[in-house]
Amino acid sequence: MMTTYLIYVLWGMAIGTLSGAIGLGGGILIVPTLIYLFGLKQHEAQGTSVALMIPPIGLMAAWRYYQHGHVIVPIAVCGAIGFFLGGFFGAEIAERLSEQTLRQVFGTVLIVVGIKMLWG
């Protein structure tokens, strides 16, 4: 049991390090690893991803960037309000989709963003 928790902590540290270092949205790594390493279903992975990112990323990484003058506060505050509301509605939409459809939408978004980042 403790070994399982340690694995979760080490996994979180690896993803948190990548997220903090390169600004990568943690969900891009969290959701696939929850599915393929830990066997969660798409809905479980997305819900767990959202829940686990609230305290560590939202507080610690943002604070470090803020200390170095790299946070545009009005954008962050207004975006957080929109994200708060959008997160509620997005979760409601996700709950109405089948497992397969949700996985396909998630994968498509990853591909589109990846292509844009590589060749945009």
C-alpha atoms as a PDB file:
ATOM      1  CA  MET A   1       0.000   0.000   0.000  1.00  0.00           C
ATOM      2  CA  MET A   2       2.743   2.485   0.936  1.00  0.00           C
ATOM      3  CA  THR A   3       4.680   1.457  -2.171  1.00  0.00           C
ATOM      4  CA  THR A   4       1.668   2.372  -4.311  1.00  0.00           C
ATOM      5  CA  TYR A   5       1.454   5.804  -2.686  1.00  0.00           C
ATOM      6  CA  LEU A   6       5.181   6.334  -3.193  1.00  0.00           C
ATOM      7  CA  ILE A   7       4.787   5.483  -6.883  1.00  0.00           C
ATOM      8  CA  TYR A   8       1.986   8.066  -7.137  1.00  0.00           C
ATOM      9  CA  VAL A   9       4.186  10.701  -5.462  1.00  0.00           C
ATOM     10  CA  LEU A  10       7.156   9.980  -7.734  1.00  0.00           C
ATOM     11  CA  TRP A  11       4.871  10.031 -10.789  1.00  0.00           C
ATOM     12  CA  GLY A  12       3.441  13.373  -9.656  1.00  0.00           C
ATOM     13  CA  MET A  13       6.931  14.780  -9.116  1.00  0.00           C
ATOM     14  CA  ALA A  14       8.004  13.803 -12.629  1.00  0.00           C
ATOM     15  CA  ILE A  15       4.963  15.383 -14.248  1.00  0.00           C
ATOM     16  CA  GLY A  16       5.102  18.421 -11.966  1.00  0.00           C
ATOM     17  CA  THR A  17       8.736  18.983 -12.878  1.00  0.00           C
ATOM     18  CA  LEU A  18       7.951  18.905 -16.592  1.00  0.00           C
ATOM     19  CA  SER A  19       4.931  21.159 -16.133  1.00  0.00           C
ATOM     20  CA  GLY A  20       6.839  23.698 -14.079  1.00  0.00           C
ATOM     21  CA  ALA A  21       9.903  23.619 -16.309  1.00  0.00           C
ATOM     22  CA  ILE A  22       8.333  24.032 -19.719  1.00  0.00           C
ATOM     23  CA  GLY A  23       4.823  25.293 -18.961  1.00  0.00           C
ATOM     24  CA  LEU A  24       3.306  22.104 -20.284  1.00  0.00           C
ATOM     25  CA  GLY A  25      -0.277  21.559 -19.259  1.00  0.00           C
ATOM     26  CA  GLY A  26      -0.029  18.746 -16.773  1.00  0.00           C
ATOM     27  CA  GLY A  27      -3.166  17.122 -18.135  1.00  0.00           C
ATOM     28  CA  ILE A  28      -1.386  16.372 -21.384  1.00  0.00           C
ATOM     29  CA  LEU A  29       0.813  13.958 -19.452  1.00  0.00           C
ATOM     30  CA  ILE A  30      -1.381  13.159 -16.465  1.00  0.00           C
ATOM     31  CA  VAL A  31      -4.407  11.821 -18.312  1.00  0.00           C
ATOM     32  CA  PRO A  32      -2.538   9.427 -20.630  1.00  0.00           C
ATOM     33  CA  THR A  33      -0.341   8.099 -17.825  1.00  0.00           C
ATOM     34  CA  LEU A  34      -3.327   7.557 -15.542  1.00  0.00           C
ATOM     35  CA  ILE A  35      -4.925   5.521 -18.320  1.00  0.00           C
ATOM     36  CA  TYR A  36      -1.903   3.569 -19.544  1.00  0.00           C
ATOM     37  CA  LEU A  37       0.195   3.218 -16.380  1.00  0.00           C
ATOM     38  CA  PHE A  38      -2.506   2.986 -13.727  1.00  0.00           C
ATOM     39  CA  GLY A  39      -5.425   1.553 -15.701  1.00  0.00           C
ATOM     40  CA  LEU A  40      -7.978   4.297 -15.087  1.00  0.00           C
ATOM     41  CA  LYS A  41     -10.859   4.892 -17.462  1.00  0.00           C
ATOM     42  CA  GLN A  42     -10.944   8.149 -19.444  1.00  0.00           C
ATOM     43  CA  HIS A  43     -13.525   9.805 -17.185  1.00  0.00           C
ATOM     44  CA  GLU A  44     -11.629   8.725 -14.047  1.00  0.00           C
ATOM     45  CA  ALA A  45      -8.342   9.968 -15.484  1.00  0.00           C
ATOM     46  CA  GLN A  46      -9.752  13.369 -16.406  1.00  0.00           C
ATOM     47  CA  GLY A  47     -11.506  13.822 -13.054  1.00  0.00           C
ATOM     48  CA  THR A  48      -8.410  12.745 -11.131  1.00  0.00           C
ATOM     49  CA  SER A  49      -6.232  15.033 -13.255  1.00  0.00           C
ATOM     50  CA  VAL A  50      -8.372  18.079 -12.548  1.00  0.00           C
ATOM     51  CA  ALA A  51      -8.543  17.270  -8.828  1.00  0.00           C
ATOM     52  CA  LEU A  52      -4.820  16.737  -8.368  1.00  0.00           C
ATOM     53  CA  MET A  53      -3.729  19.893 -10.193  1.00  0.00           C
ATOM     54  CA  ILE A  54      -5.627  22.337  -7.975  1.00  0.00           C
ATOM     55  CA  PRO A  55      -3.224  22.714  -5.041  1.00  0.00           C
ATOM     56  CA  PRO A  56       0.271  21.962  -6.359  1.00  0.00           C
ATOM     57  CA  ILE A  57       0.329  23.602  -9.744  1.00  0.00           C
ATOM     58  CA  GLY A  58      -2.167  26.323  -9.032  1.00  0.00           C
ATOM     59  CA  LEU A  59      -0.268  27.512  -6.002  1.00  0.00           C
ATOM     60  CA  MET A  60       3.409  26.621  -6.040  1.00  0.00           C
ATOM     61  CA  ALA A  61       4.351  26.949  -9.709  1.00  0.00           C
ATOM     62  CA  ALA A  62       2.313  30.124 -10.144  1.00  0.00           C
ATOM     63  CA  TRP A  63       3.919  31.637  -7.032  1.00  0.00           C
ATOM     64  CA  ARG A  64       7.421  30.954  -8.353  1.00  0.00           C
ATOM     65  CA  TYR A  65       6.616  32.508 -11.722  1.00  0.00           C
ATOM     66  CA  TYR A  66       4.993  35.480  -9.974  1.00  0.00           C
ATOM     67  CA  GLN A  67       8.113  36.028  -7.838  1.00  0.00           C
ATOM     68  CA  HIS A  68      10.127  36.376 -11.026  1.00  0.00           C
ATOM     69  CA  GLY A  69       7.670  38.780 -12.617  1.00  0.00           C
ATOM     70  CA  HIS A  70       6.334  36.286 -15.128  1.00  0.00           C
ATOM     71  CA  VAL A  71       2.634  36.393 -14.270  1.00  0.00           C
ATOM     72  CA  ILE A  72       0.329  38.880 -15.950  1.00  0.00           C
ATOM     73  CA  VAL A  73      -2.109  39.184 -13.046  1.00  0.00           C
ATOM     74  CA  PRO A  74      -5.206  40.548 -14.880  1.00  0.00           C
ATOM     75  CA  ILE A  75      -4.989  37.751 -17.441  1.00  0.00           C
ATOM     76  CA  ALA A  76      -4.435  35.141 -14.729  1.00  0.00           C
ATOM     77  CA  VAL A  77      -7.356  36.353 -12.581  1.00  0.00           C
ATOM     78  CA  CYS A  78      -9.827  36.764 -15.429  1.00  0.00           C
ATOM     79  CA  GLY A  79      -8.688  33.517 -17.004  1.00  0.00           C
ATOM     80  CA  ALA A  80      -9.104  31.733 -13.657  1.00  0.00           C
ATOM     81  CA  ILE A  81     -12.683  32.964 -13.395  1.00  0.00           C
ATOM     82  CA  GLY A  82     -13.402  31.726 -16.902  1.00  0.00           C
ATOM     83  CA  PHE A  83     -11.578  28.457 -16.251  1.00  0.00           C
ATOM     84  CA  PHE A  84     -13.592  27.959 -13.053  1.00  0.00           C
ATOM     85  CA  LEU A  85     -16.869  28.354 -14.908  1.00  0.00           C
ATOM     86  CA  GLY A  86     -15.699  26.536 -18.027  1.00  0.00           C
ATOM     87  CA  GLY A  87     -14.401  23.641 -15.953  1.00  0.00           C
ATOM     88  CA  PHE A  88     -17.861  23.099 -14.515  1.00  0.00           C
ATOM     89  CA  PHE A  89     -19.537  23.129 -17.924  1.00  0.00           C
ATOM     90  CA  GLY A  90     -16.756  21.089 -19.546  1.00  0.00           C
ATOM     91  CA  ALA A  91     -17.047  18.384 -16.889  1.00  0.00           C
ATOM     92  CA  GLU A  92     -20.792  18.266 -17.482  1.00  0.00           C
ATOM     93  CA  ILE A  93     -20.207  17.800 -21.226  1.00  0.00           C
ATOM     94  CA  ALA A  94     -17.566  15.113 -20.611  1.00  0.00           C
ATOM     95  CA  GLU A  95     -19.923  13.158 -18.367  1.00  0.00           C
ATOM     96  CA  ARG A  96     -22.445  12.977 -21.204  1.00  0.00           C
ATOM     97  CA  LEU A  97     -19.940  11.529 -23.691  1.00  0.00           C
ATOM     98  CA  SER A  98     -19.111   7.851 -24.033  1.00  0.00           C
ATOM     99  CA  GLU A  99     -15.692   6.611 -22.939  1.00  0.00           C
ATOM    100  CA  GLN A 100     -14.648   6.075 -26.568  1.00  0.00           C
ATOM    101  CA  THR A 101     -15.847   9.484 -27.769  1.00  0.00           C
ATOM    102  CA  LEU A 102     -14.154  11.258 -24.877  1.00  0.00           C
ATOM    103  CA  ARG A 103     -10.883   9.465 -25.562  1.00  0.00           C
ATOM    104  CA  GLN A 104     -11.082  10.344 -29.262  1.00  0.00           C
ATOM    105  CA  VAL A 105     -11.750  14.021 -28.519  1.00  0.00           C
ATOM    106  CA  PHE A 106      -8.850  14.115 -26.051  1.00  0.00           C
ATOM    107  CA  GLY A 107      -6.487  12.434 -28.523  1.00  0.00           C
ATOM    108  CA  THR A 108      -7.546  14.730 -31.349  1.00  0.00           C
ATOM    109  CA  VAL A 109      -6.858  17.824 -29.253  1.00  0.00           C
ATOM    110  CA  LEU A 110      -3.389  16.483 -28.382  1.00  0.00           C
ATOM    111  CA  ILE A 111      -2.607  15.853 -32.051  1.00  0.00           C
ATOM    112  CA  VAL A 112      -3.842  19.264 -33.206  1.00  0.00           C
ATOM    113  CA  VAL A 113      -1.918  21.089 -30.476  1.00  0.00           C
ATOM    114  CA  GLY A 114       1.198  19.025 -31.214  1.00  0.00           C
ATOM    115  CA  ILE A 115       1.059  19.779 -34.928  1.00  0.00           C
ATOM    116  CA  LYS A 116       0.529  23.475 -34.257  1.00  0.00           C
ATOM    117  CA  MET A 117       3.490  23.541 -31.850  1.00  0.00           C
ATOM    118  CA  LEU A 118       5.769  21.714 -34.280  1.00  0.00           C
ATOM    119  CA  TRP A 119       4.839  23.427 -37.538  1.00  0.00           C
ATOM    120  CA  GLY A 120       2.647  26.405 -36.599  1.00  0.00           C
END
